[in-house]
Amino acid sequence: MNIDKDSYFLEKAIDRAIKNISENGGPFGAIIVENGTIISESGNRVRIINDPTAHAEVEAIRKACATKNTYSLENCTIYCSCEPCPMCLAAIYWARISRVVFAANKSDAARAGFDDKYIYDEIAKPIDLRTIETIQIETEKNTHAFKKWDTYIDKLDY
């Protein structure tokens, strides 16, 4: 993409974020583009549908995957009104999106009350030092699903 097209689609994501506020959603918008065509868009729907994972990027990924009938969005670009949070960034990687273009950064989001520093810090800690108690229990079955997967004939590679 060239800068003009990137700017055009980024402004669309920002407009989606602004519109989303009047729809009782958060101030975030995302648009997914493939070959110069918008294939999905969404605003943040966390409070609208009471789903903490319904960030604009995740919702746009869900819609794009449904539209394309695939879990892989390689060769797509996601335009975000703000730098993706850790969850959204992980979803972008899982979806194999090729490019991320964003407007506001995580410092801008923090000043508006959306600070992800706590999550970044928690992820970096050893499991036993995290705020949320996290325990691994060893059982005979811990890896049975993976062993079955290894021998499953009809598996689809991720």
C-alpha atoms as a PDB file:
ATOM      1  CA  MET A   1       0.000   0.000   0.000  1.00  0.00           C
ATOM      2  CA  ASN A   2       1.083   3.538  -0.471  1.00  0.00           C
ATOM      3  CA  ILE A   3       0.870   6.230   2.181  1.00  0.00           C
ATOM      4  CA  ASP A   4      -2.227   7.838   0.607  1.00  0.00           C
ATOM      5  CA  LYS A   5      -4.201   4.575   0.739  1.00  0.00           C
ATOM      6  CA  ASP A   6      -2.914   3.824   4.228  1.00  0.00           C
ATOM      7  CA  SER A   7      -4.014   7.289   5.379  1.00  0.00           C
ATOM      8  CA  TYR A   8      -7.425   6.841   3.747  1.00  0.00           C
ATOM      9  CA  PHE A   9      -8.113   3.511   5.474  1.00  0.00           C
ATOM     10  CA  LEU A  10      -6.645   4.703   8.775  1.00  0.00           C
ATOM     11  CA  GLU A  11      -8.994   7.699   8.753  1.00  0.00           C
ATOM     12  CA  LYS A  12     -11.884   5.266   8.130  1.00  0.00           C
ATOM     13  CA  ALA A  13     -10.820   3.313  11.259  1.00  0.00           C
ATOM     14  CA  ILE A  14     -10.680   6.558  13.258  1.00  0.00           C
ATOM     15  CA  ASP A  15     -14.124   7.559  11.952  1.00  0.00           C
ATOM     16  CA  ARG A  16     -15.413   4.124  13.007  1.00  0.00           C
ATOM     17  CA  ALA A  17     -14.002   4.718  16.516  1.00  0.00           C
ATOM     18  CA  ILE A  18     -15.695   8.108  16.753  1.00  0.00           C
ATOM     19  CA  LYS A  19     -19.023   6.684  15.517  1.00  0.00           C
ATOM     20  CA  ASN A  20     -18.686   3.815  17.986  1.00  0.00           C
ATOM     21  CA  ILE A  21     -18.788   6.215  20.936  1.00  0.00           C
ATOM     22  CA  SER A  22     -22.296   7.364  19.972  1.00  0.00           C
ATOM     23  CA  GLU A  23     -23.292   3.667  19.740  1.00  0.00           C
ATOM     24  CA  ASN A  24     -22.279   3.209  23.420  1.00  0.00           C
ATOM     25  CA  GLY A  25     -19.035   1.450  22.519  1.00  0.00           C
ATOM     26  CA  GLY A  26     -15.462   2.316  23.366  1.00  0.00           C
ATOM     27  CA  PRO A  27     -13.398   4.850  21.382  1.00  0.00           C
ATOM     28  CA  PHE A  28     -11.716   2.263  19.170  1.00  0.00           C
ATOM     29  CA  GLY A  29     -12.216   1.222  15.558  1.00  0.00           C
ATOM     30  CA  ALA A  30     -10.591  -1.285  13.229  1.00  0.00           C
ATOM     31  CA  ILE A  31     -10.855  -2.009   9.528  1.00  0.00           C
ATOM     32  CA  ILE A  32      -9.418  -5.001   7.676  1.00  0.00           C
ATOM     33  CA  VAL A  33      -8.446  -4.500   4.052  1.00  0.00           C
ATOM     34  CA  GLU A  34      -7.510  -7.046   1.411  1.00  0.00           C
ATOM     35  CA  ASN A  35      -6.341  -5.959  -2.037  1.00  0.00           C
ATOM     36  CA  GLY A  36      -7.597  -2.422  -1.502  1.00  0.00           C
ATOM     37  CA  THR A  37     -11.088  -3.509  -0.408  1.00  0.00           C
ATOM     38  CA  ILE A  38     -12.537  -3.281   3.089  1.00  0.00           C
ATOM     39  CA  ILE A  39     -13.615  -6.794   4.079  1.00  0.00           C
ATOM     40  CA  SER A  40     -14.647  -5.992   7.651  1.00  0.00           C
ATOM     41  CA  GLU A  41     -14.839  -3.263  10.217  1.00  0.00           C
ATOM     42  CA  SER A  42     -15.895  -2.894  13.800  1.00  0.00           C
ATOM     43  CA  GLY A  43     -15.802  -0.708  16.814  1.00  0.00           C
ATOM     44  CA  ASN A  44     -15.123  -1.796  20.368  1.00  0.00           C
ATOM     45  CA  ARG A  45     -18.234  -3.660  21.620  1.00  0.00           C
ATOM     46  CA  VAL A  46     -17.069  -4.648  25.123  1.00  0.00           C
ATOM     47  CA  ARG A  47     -19.794  -2.800  27.048  1.00  0.00           C
ATOM     48  CA  ILE A  48     -22.418  -3.248  24.331  1.00  0.00           C
ATOM     49  CA  ILE A  49     -22.379  -7.057  24.492  1.00  0.00           C
ATOM     50  CA  ASN A  50     -20.675  -7.491  27.897  1.00  0.00           C
ATOM     51  CA  ASP A  51     -17.716  -9.333  26.396  1.00  0.00           C
ATOM     52  CA  PRO A  52     -14.240  -8.212  27.519  1.00  0.00           C
ATOM     53  CA  THR A  53     -12.743  -9.726  24.347  1.00  0.00           C
ATOM     54  CA  ALA A  54     -14.952  -7.692  21.984  1.00  0.00           C
ATOM     55  CA  HIS A  55     -12.271  -5.149  21.141  1.00  0.00           C
ATOM     56  CA  ALA A  56     -12.526  -3.512  17.722  1.00  0.00           C
ATOM     57  CA  GLU A  57      -9.610  -5.498  16.304  1.00  0.00           C
ATOM     58  CA  VAL A  58     -10.908  -8.862  17.542  1.00  0.00           C
ATOM     59  CA  GLU A  59     -14.430  -8.126  16.289  1.00  0.00           C
ATOM     60  CA  ALA A  60     -13.071  -7.066  12.884  1.00  0.00           C
ATOM     61  CA  ILE A  61     -10.980 -10.260  12.721  1.00  0.00           C
ATOM     62  CA  ARG A  62     -14.041 -12.382  13.571  1.00  0.00           C
ATOM     63  CA  LYS A  63     -16.082 -10.697  10.833  1.00  0.00           C
ATOM     64  CA  ALA A  64     -13.300 -10.958   8.247  1.00  0.00           C
ATOM     65  CA  CYS A  65     -12.757 -14.652   8.968  1.00  0.00           C
ATOM     66  CA  ALA A  66     -16.494 -15.301   8.685  1.00  0.00           C
ATOM     67  CA  THR A  67     -16.653 -13.372   5.405  1.00  0.00           C
ATOM     68  CA  LYS A  68     -13.676 -15.229   3.937  1.00  0.00           C
ATOM     69  CA  ASN A  69     -14.610 -18.548   5.586  1.00  0.00           C
ATOM     70  CA  THR A  70     -11.062 -19.033   6.871  1.00  0.00           C
ATOM     71  CA  TYR A  71      -9.031 -18.498  10.021  1.00  0.00           C
ATOM     72  CA  SER A  72      -6.101 -17.019   8.085  1.00  0.00           C
ATOM     73  CA  LEU A  73      -6.047 -13.389   7.013  1.00  0.00           C
ATOM     74  CA  GLU A  74      -2.618 -13.403   5.430  1.00  0.00           C
ATOM     75  CA  ASN A  75      -2.229 -10.689   2.806  1.00  0.00           C
ATOM     76  CA  CYS A  76      -4.597  -8.440   4.779  1.00  0.00           C
ATOM     77  CA  THR A  77      -3.871  -5.182   6.559  1.00  0.00           C
ATOM     78  CA  ILE A  78      -5.619  -4.115   9.740  1.00  0.00           C
ATOM     79  CA  TYR A  79      -6.056  -0.393  10.310  1.00  0.00           C
ATOM     80  CA  CYS A  80      -6.595   0.509  13.956  1.00  0.00           C
ATOM     81  CA  SER A  81      -7.567   3.815  15.477  1.00  0.00           C
ATOM     82  CA  CYS A  82      -5.138   2.981  18.295  1.00  0.00           C
ATOM     83  CA  GLU A  83      -2.122   0.741  18.787  1.00  0.00           C
ATOM     84  CA  PRO A  84      -3.456  -2.757  19.501  1.00  0.00           C
ATOM     85  CA  CYS A  85      -3.481  -3.964  23.109  1.00  0.00           C
ATOM     86  CA  PRO A  86      -1.692  -7.229  24.018  1.00  0.00           C
ATOM     87  CA  MET A  87      -4.828  -9.342  23.418  1.00  0.00           C
ATOM     88  CA  CYS A  88      -5.545  -7.751  20.046  1.00  0.00           C
ATOM     89  CA  LEU A  89      -1.923  -7.971  18.985  1.00  0.00           C
ATOM     90  CA  ALA A  90      -1.945 -11.694  19.795  1.00  0.00           C
ATOM     91  CA  ALA A  91      -5.166 -12.126  17.790  1.00  0.00           C
ATOM     92  CA  ILE A  92      -3.577 -10.279  14.864  1.00  0.00           C
ATOM     93  CA  TYR A  93      -0.637 -12.679  14.930  1.00  0.00           C
ATOM     94  CA  TRP A  94      -2.928 -15.742  15.261  1.00  0.00           C
ATOM     95  CA  ALA A  95      -4.938 -14.484  12.271  1.00  0.00           C
ATOM     96  CA  ARG A  96      -1.714 -14.113  10.279  1.00  0.00           C
ATOM     97  CA  ILE A  97      -2.507 -10.546   9.273  1.00  0.00           C
ATOM     98  CA  SER A  98       0.387  -9.186   7.215  1.00  0.00           C
ATOM     99  CA  ARG A  99       0.375  -5.520   8.260  1.00  0.00           C
ATOM    100  CA  VAL A 100      -0.798  -3.353  11.143  1.00  0.00           C
ATOM    101  CA  VAL A 101      -1.273   0.380  10.662  1.00  0.00           C
ATOM    102  CA  PHE A 102      -2.391   2.425  13.670  1.00  0.00           C
ATOM    103  CA  ALA A 103      -3.033   6.039  14.648  1.00  0.00           C
ATOM    104  CA  ALA A 104      -2.938   6.812  18.389  1.00  0.00           C
ATOM    105  CA  ASN A 105      -0.369   4.911  20.452  1.00  0.00           C
ATOM    106  CA  LYS A 106      -0.590   3.108  23.795  1.00  0.00           C
ATOM    107  CA  SER A 107       0.480   6.262  25.667  1.00  0.00           C
ATOM    108  CA  ASP A 108      -2.414   8.173  24.098  1.00  0.00           C
ATOM    109  CA  ALA A 109      -4.754   5.346  25.165  1.00  0.00           C
ATOM    110  CA  ALA A 110      -3.373   5.408  28.717  1.00  0.00           C
ATOM    111  CA  ARG A 111      -4.028   9.159  28.986  1.00  0.00           C
ATOM    112  CA  ALA A 112      -7.654   8.440  27.972  1.00  0.00           C
ATOM    113  CA  GLY A 113      -7.981   5.805  30.714  1.00  0.00           C
ATOM    114  CA  PHE A 114      -7.087   2.683  28.703  1.00  0.00           C
ATOM    115  CA  ASP A 115      -3.730   1.702  30.179  1.00  0.00           C
ATOM    116  CA  ASP A 116      -2.348  -1.714  29.199  1.00  0.00           C
ATOM    117  CA  LYS A 117       0.956  -1.328  31.067  1.00  0.00           C
ATOM    118  CA  TYR A 118      -0.350  -3.553  33.865  1.00  0.00           C
ATOM    119  CA  ILE A 119      -1.024  -6.387  31.375  1.00  0.00           C
ATOM    120  CA  TYR A 120       2.348  -6.008  29.655  1.00  0.00           C
ATOM    121  CA  ASP A 121       4.033  -6.110  33.083  1.00  0.00           C
ATOM    122  CA  GLU A 122       2.019  -9.162  34.199  1.00  0.00           C
ATOM    123  CA  ILE A 123       2.859 -11.127  31.032  1.00  0.00           C
ATOM    124  CA  ALA A 124       6.558 -10.534  31.630  1.00  0.00           C
ATOM    125  CA  LYS A 125       6.434 -11.895  35.215  1.00  0.00           C
ATOM    126  CA  PRO A 126       7.106 -15.522  36.119  1.00  0.00           C
ATOM    127  CA  ILE A 127       3.785 -17.350  36.600  1.00  0.00           C
ATOM    128  CA  ASP A 128       4.212 -17.581  40.380  1.00  0.00           C
ATOM    129  CA  LEU A 129       4.589 -13.786  40.696  1.00  0.00           C
ATOM    130  CA  ARG A 130       1.499 -12.768  38.716  1.00  0.00           C
ATOM    131  CA  THR A 131      -1.386 -10.984  40.420  1.00  0.00           C
ATOM    132  CA  ILE A 132      -3.916 -13.603  39.291  1.00  0.00           C
ATOM    133  CA  GLU A 133      -3.117 -16.916  40.948  1.00  0.00           C
ATOM    134  CA  THR A 134      -1.978 -19.270  38.176  1.00  0.00           C
ATOM    135  CA  ILE A 135      -1.312 -22.911  38.935  1.00  0.00           C
ATOM    136  CA  GLN A 136      -0.192 -25.800  36.746  1.00  0.00           C
ATOM    137  CA  ILE A 137      -1.133 -29.233  38.019  1.00  0.00           C
ATOM    138  CA  GLU A 138       0.669 -32.282  36.680  1.00  0.00           C
ATOM    139  CA  THR A 139      -1.613 -35.217  35.853  1.00  0.00           C
ATOM    140  CA  GLU A 140      -1.301 -38.309  33.709  1.00  0.00           C
ATOM    141  CA  LYS A 141      -3.470 -36.647  31.076  1.00  0.00           C
ATOM    142  CA  ASN A 142      -1.649 -33.316  30.693  1.00  0.00           C
ATOM    143  CA  THR A 143      -0.442 -34.008  27.163  1.00  0.00           C
ATOM    144  CA  HIS A 144      -3.003 -36.599  25.989  1.00  0.00           C
ATOM    145  CA  ALA A 145      -4.802 -34.143  23.690  1.00  0.00           C
ATOM    146  CA  PHE A 146      -1.503 -33.222  22.009  1.00  0.00           C
ATOM    147  CA  LYS A 147      -0.546 -36.878  21.600  1.00  0.00           C
ATOM    148  CA  LYS A 148      -3.916 -37.571  19.983  1.00  0.00           C
ATOM    149  CA  TRP A 149      -3.447 -34.526  17.748  1.00  0.00           C
ATOM    150  CA  ASP A 150      -0.031 -35.801  16.630  1.00  0.00           C
ATOM    151  CA  THR A 151      -1.610 -38.995  15.301  1.00  0.00           C
ATOM    152  CA  TYR A 152      -4.912 -37.530  14.071  1.00  0.00           C
ATOM    153  CA  ILE A 153      -5.167 -38.186  10.337  1.00  0.00           C
ATOM    154  CA  ASP A 154      -7.650 -35.409   9.445  1.00  0.00           C
ATOM    155  CA  LYS A 155      -5.958 -32.562  11.319  1.00  0.00           C
ATOM    156  CA  LEU A 156      -5.674 -29.166   9.739  1.00  0.00           C
ATOM    157  CA  ASP A 157      -2.411 -27.327  10.255  1.00  0.00           C
ATOM    158  CA  TYR A 158      -2.676 -23.975  12.010  1.00  0.00           C
END
